[in-house]
């Protein structure tokens, strides 16, 4: 399956983004769902849907996820 997922290690302080299909925006959004609150996830989806272009959508997704990954 060509999906993207975010893995949290056992001590819950380290996140990693995995996947073979990083160009798939819906897969990237699905990967953020377990690590964001429902409110954050809905806000992220709305922001991603407002913009056109893969690079801008990817930038928005990673702006939400990077602070979690870097802790």
N, C-alpha and C. Protein backbone atom coordinates (compact mmCIF):
# COMPACT_ATOMS: atom_id res chain seq x y z
N UNK A 1 0.84 -1.18 0.00
CA UNK A 1 0.00 0.00 0.00
C UNK A 1 0.89 1.24 0.00
N UNK A 2 0.61 2.17 -0.87
CA UNK A 2 1.38 3.40 -0.96
C UNK A 2 0.75 4.46 -0.07
N UNK A 3 0.96 4.35 1.20
CA UNK A 3 0.38 5.29 2.13
C UNK A 3 1.48 5.95 2.94
N UNK A 4 1.15 7.04 3.55
CA UNK A 4 2.07 7.78 4.38
C UNK A 4 1.56 7.67 5.80
N UNK A 5 2.45 7.49 6.76
CA UNK A 5 2.00 7.46 8.13
C UNK A 5 3.05 8.07 9.03
N UNK A 6 2.60 8.52 10.17
CA UNK A 6 3.49 9.11 11.16
C UNK A 6 3.58 8.11 12.30
N UNK A 7 4.79 7.72 12.64
CA UNK A 7 5.01 6.74 13.70
C UNK A 7 5.52 7.44 14.94
N UNK A 8 4.93 7.10 16.07
CA UNK A 8 5.39 7.65 17.35
C UNK A 8 6.06 6.52 18.12
N UNK A 9 7.28 6.73 18.58
CA UNK A 9 7.98 5.65 19.28
C UNK A 9 7.41 5.46 20.68
N UNK A 10 7.90 4.47 21.38
CA UNK A 10 7.32 4.04 22.65
C UNK A 10 7.32 5.13 23.72
N UNK A 11 8.33 5.98 23.74
CA UNK A 11 8.34 7.01 24.78
C UNK A 11 7.54 8.25 24.39
N UNK A 12 6.91 8.21 23.24
CA UNK A 12 6.00 9.26 22.75
C UNK A 12 6.67 10.63 22.58
N UNK A 13 7.97 10.65 22.44
CA UNK A 13 8.66 11.91 22.24
C UNK A 13 9.24 12.04 20.85
N UNK A 14 9.19 11.00 20.07
CA UNK A 14 9.83 11.02 18.77
C UNK A 14 8.83 10.57 17.71
N UNK A 15 8.67 11.36 16.68
CA UNK A 15 7.77 11.04 15.58
C UNK A 15 8.60 10.92 14.31
N UNK A 16 8.17 10.05 13.42
CA UNK A 16 8.82 9.90 12.13
C UNK A 16 7.74 9.83 11.07
N UNK A 17 8.00 10.46 9.94
CA UNK A 17 7.09 10.39 8.80
C UNK A 17 7.62 9.34 7.84
N UNK A 18 6.80 8.37 7.53
CA UNK A 18 7.18 7.28 6.64
C UNK A 18 6.25 7.26 5.44
N UNK A 19 6.70 6.72 4.35
CA UNK A 19 5.81 6.49 3.23
C UNK A 19 6.53 6.53 1.91
N UNK A 20 5.96 5.81 0.98
CA UNK A 20 6.52 5.78 -0.37
C UNK A 20 5.80 6.76 -1.27
N UNK A 21 4.68 7.28 -0.82
CA UNK A 21 3.85 8.12 -1.67
C UNK A 21 3.71 9.51 -1.07
N UNK A 22 4.83 10.16 -0.82
CA UNK A 22 4.79 11.48 -0.21
C UNK A 22 4.11 12.52 -1.09
N UNK A 23 3.88 12.23 -2.35
CA UNK A 23 3.21 13.16 -3.24
C UNK A 23 1.70 13.09 -3.17
N UNK A 24 1.18 12.29 -2.27
CA UNK A 24 -0.25 12.08 -2.16
C UNK A 24 -0.79 12.90 -0.99
N UNK A 25 -1.43 14.05 -1.29
CA UNK A 25 -1.93 14.95 -0.25
C UNK A 25 -2.96 14.28 0.64
N UNK A 26 -3.96 13.56 0.10
CA UNK A 26 -4.92 12.89 0.99
C UNK A 26 -4.25 11.89 1.94
N UNK A 27 -3.23 11.19 1.47
CA UNK A 27 -2.52 10.25 2.34
C UNK A 27 -1.76 11.00 3.43
N UNK A 28 -1.17 12.13 3.10
CA UNK A 28 -0.48 12.92 4.10
C UNK A 28 -1.45 13.44 5.15
N UNK A 29 -2.64 13.86 4.72
CA UNK A 29 -3.65 14.33 5.67
C UNK A 29 -4.07 13.19 6.60
N UNK A 30 -4.31 12.01 6.04
CA UNK A 30 -4.69 10.86 6.87
C UNK A 30 -3.60 10.55 7.90
N UNK A 31 -2.36 10.75 7.51
CA UNK A 31 -1.25 10.46 8.42
C UNK A 31 -1.21 11.42 9.60
N UNK A 32 -1.74 12.61 9.43
CA UNK A 32 -1.71 13.59 10.53
C UNK A 32 -2.82 13.35 11.54
N UNK A 33 -3.86 12.66 11.15
CA UNK A 33 -5.04 12.50 12.01
C UNK A 33 -4.73 11.93 13.40
N UNK A 34 -3.89 10.89 13.51
CA UNK A 34 -3.63 10.34 14.86
C UNK A 34 -2.83 11.27 15.78
N UNK A 35 -2.12 12.24 15.22
CA UNK A 35 -1.26 13.08 16.06
C UNK A 35 -1.82 14.47 16.30
N UNK A 36 -2.91 14.83 15.63
CA UNK A 36 -3.54 16.13 15.83
C UNK A 36 -4.88 15.94 16.53
N UNK A 37 -5.30 16.98 17.25
CA UNK A 37 -6.64 16.93 17.84
C UNK A 37 -7.66 17.03 16.71
N UNK A 38 -8.91 16.69 17.01
CA UNK A 38 -9.95 16.78 15.99
C UNK A 38 -10.07 18.20 15.44
N UNK A 39 -9.99 19.19 16.34
CA UNK A 39 -10.09 20.59 15.91
C UNK A 39 -8.93 20.96 14.99
N UNK A 40 -7.71 20.56 15.37
CA UNK A 40 -6.54 20.86 14.55
C UNK A 40 -6.63 20.17 13.19
N UNK A 41 -7.09 18.92 13.18
CA UNK A 41 -7.21 18.17 11.93
C UNK A 41 -8.22 18.84 10.99
N UNK A 42 -9.36 19.24 11.50
CA UNK A 42 -10.38 19.90 10.67
C UNK A 42 -9.86 21.24 10.15
N UNK A 43 -9.16 21.98 11.00
CA UNK A 43 -8.58 23.26 10.60
C UNK A 43 -7.54 23.05 9.49
N UNK A 44 -6.70 22.04 9.66
CA UNK A 44 -5.69 21.71 8.66
C UNK A 44 -6.34 21.36 7.32
N UNK A 45 -7.36 20.52 7.34
CA UNK A 45 -8.04 20.13 6.10
C UNK A 45 -8.63 21.34 5.39
N UNK A 46 -9.24 22.25 6.16
CA UNK A 46 -9.82 23.47 5.56
C UNK A 46 -8.74 24.32 4.92
N UNK A 47 -7.62 24.49 5.61
CA UNK A 47 -6.53 25.30 5.06
C UNK A 47 -5.95 24.68 3.79
N UNK A 48 -5.77 23.36 3.80
CA UNK A 48 -5.21 22.67 2.63
C UNK A 48 -6.17 22.79 1.44
N UNK A 49 -7.47 22.68 1.70
CA UNK A 49 -8.45 22.76 0.62
C UNK A 49 -8.57 24.17 0.03
N UNK A 50 -8.17 25.19 0.78
CA UNK A 50 -8.26 26.57 0.30
C UNK A 50 -7.22 26.90 -0.76
N UNK A 51 -6.08 26.23 -0.72
CA UNK A 51 -4.97 26.58 -1.61
C UNK A 51 -4.86 25.61 -2.77
N UNK A 52 -4.30 26.10 -3.85
CA UNK A 52 -4.02 25.27 -5.02
C UNK A 52 -2.53 24.98 -5.06
N UNK A 53 -2.20 23.87 -5.59
CA UNK A 53 -0.80 23.53 -5.79
C UNK A 53 -0.26 22.62 -4.70
N UNK A 54 0.40 21.58 -5.15
CA UNK A 54 0.95 20.57 -4.26
C UNK A 54 1.94 21.15 -3.25
N UNK A 55 2.85 21.99 -3.70
CA UNK A 55 3.90 22.49 -2.81
C UNK A 55 3.32 23.32 -1.66
N UNK A 56 2.33 24.15 -1.95
CA UNK A 56 1.70 24.95 -0.91
C UNK A 56 0.92 24.07 0.06
N UNK A 57 0.21 23.08 -0.46
CA UNK A 57 -0.52 22.15 0.40
C UNK A 57 0.44 21.38 1.30
N UNK A 58 1.53 20.92 0.74
CA UNK A 58 2.53 20.18 1.51
C UNK A 58 3.14 21.07 2.59
N UNK A 59 3.42 22.32 2.26
CA UNK A 59 3.98 23.26 3.24
C UNK A 59 3.03 23.44 4.42
N UNK A 60 1.74 23.57 4.13
CA UNK A 60 0.75 23.75 5.21
C UNK A 60 0.70 22.51 6.09
N UNK A 61 0.67 21.33 5.49
CA UNK A 61 0.63 20.09 6.27
C UNK A 61 1.84 20.00 7.18
N UNK A 62 3.02 20.23 6.64
CA UNK A 62 4.22 20.10 7.46
C UNK A 62 4.36 21.23 8.48
N UNK A 63 3.70 22.37 8.25
CA UNK A 63 3.72 23.43 9.27
C UNK A 63 2.95 22.99 10.51
N UNK A 64 1.97 22.12 10.34
CA UNK A 64 1.24 21.58 11.48
C UNK A 64 2.00 20.44 12.14
N UNK A 65 2.66 19.61 11.36
CA UNK A 65 3.27 18.39 11.88
C UNK A 65 4.70 18.61 12.40
N UNK A 66 5.45 19.52 11.79
CA UNK A 66 6.84 19.74 12.21
C UNK A 66 7.00 20.06 13.70
N UNK A 67 6.17 20.93 14.28
CA UNK A 67 6.34 21.18 15.72
C UNK A 67 6.15 19.92 16.57
N UNK A 68 5.29 19.02 16.14
CA UNK A 68 5.07 17.77 16.87
C UNK A 68 6.26 16.86 16.70
N UNK A 69 6.77 16.78 15.47
CA UNK A 69 7.90 15.90 15.18
C UNK A 69 9.14 16.38 15.94
N UNK A 70 9.37 17.68 15.92
CA UNK A 70 10.58 18.23 16.55
C UNK A 70 10.44 18.40 18.05
N UNK A 71 9.18 18.35 18.52
CA UNK A 71 8.88 18.39 19.95
C UNK A 71 9.39 19.58 20.63
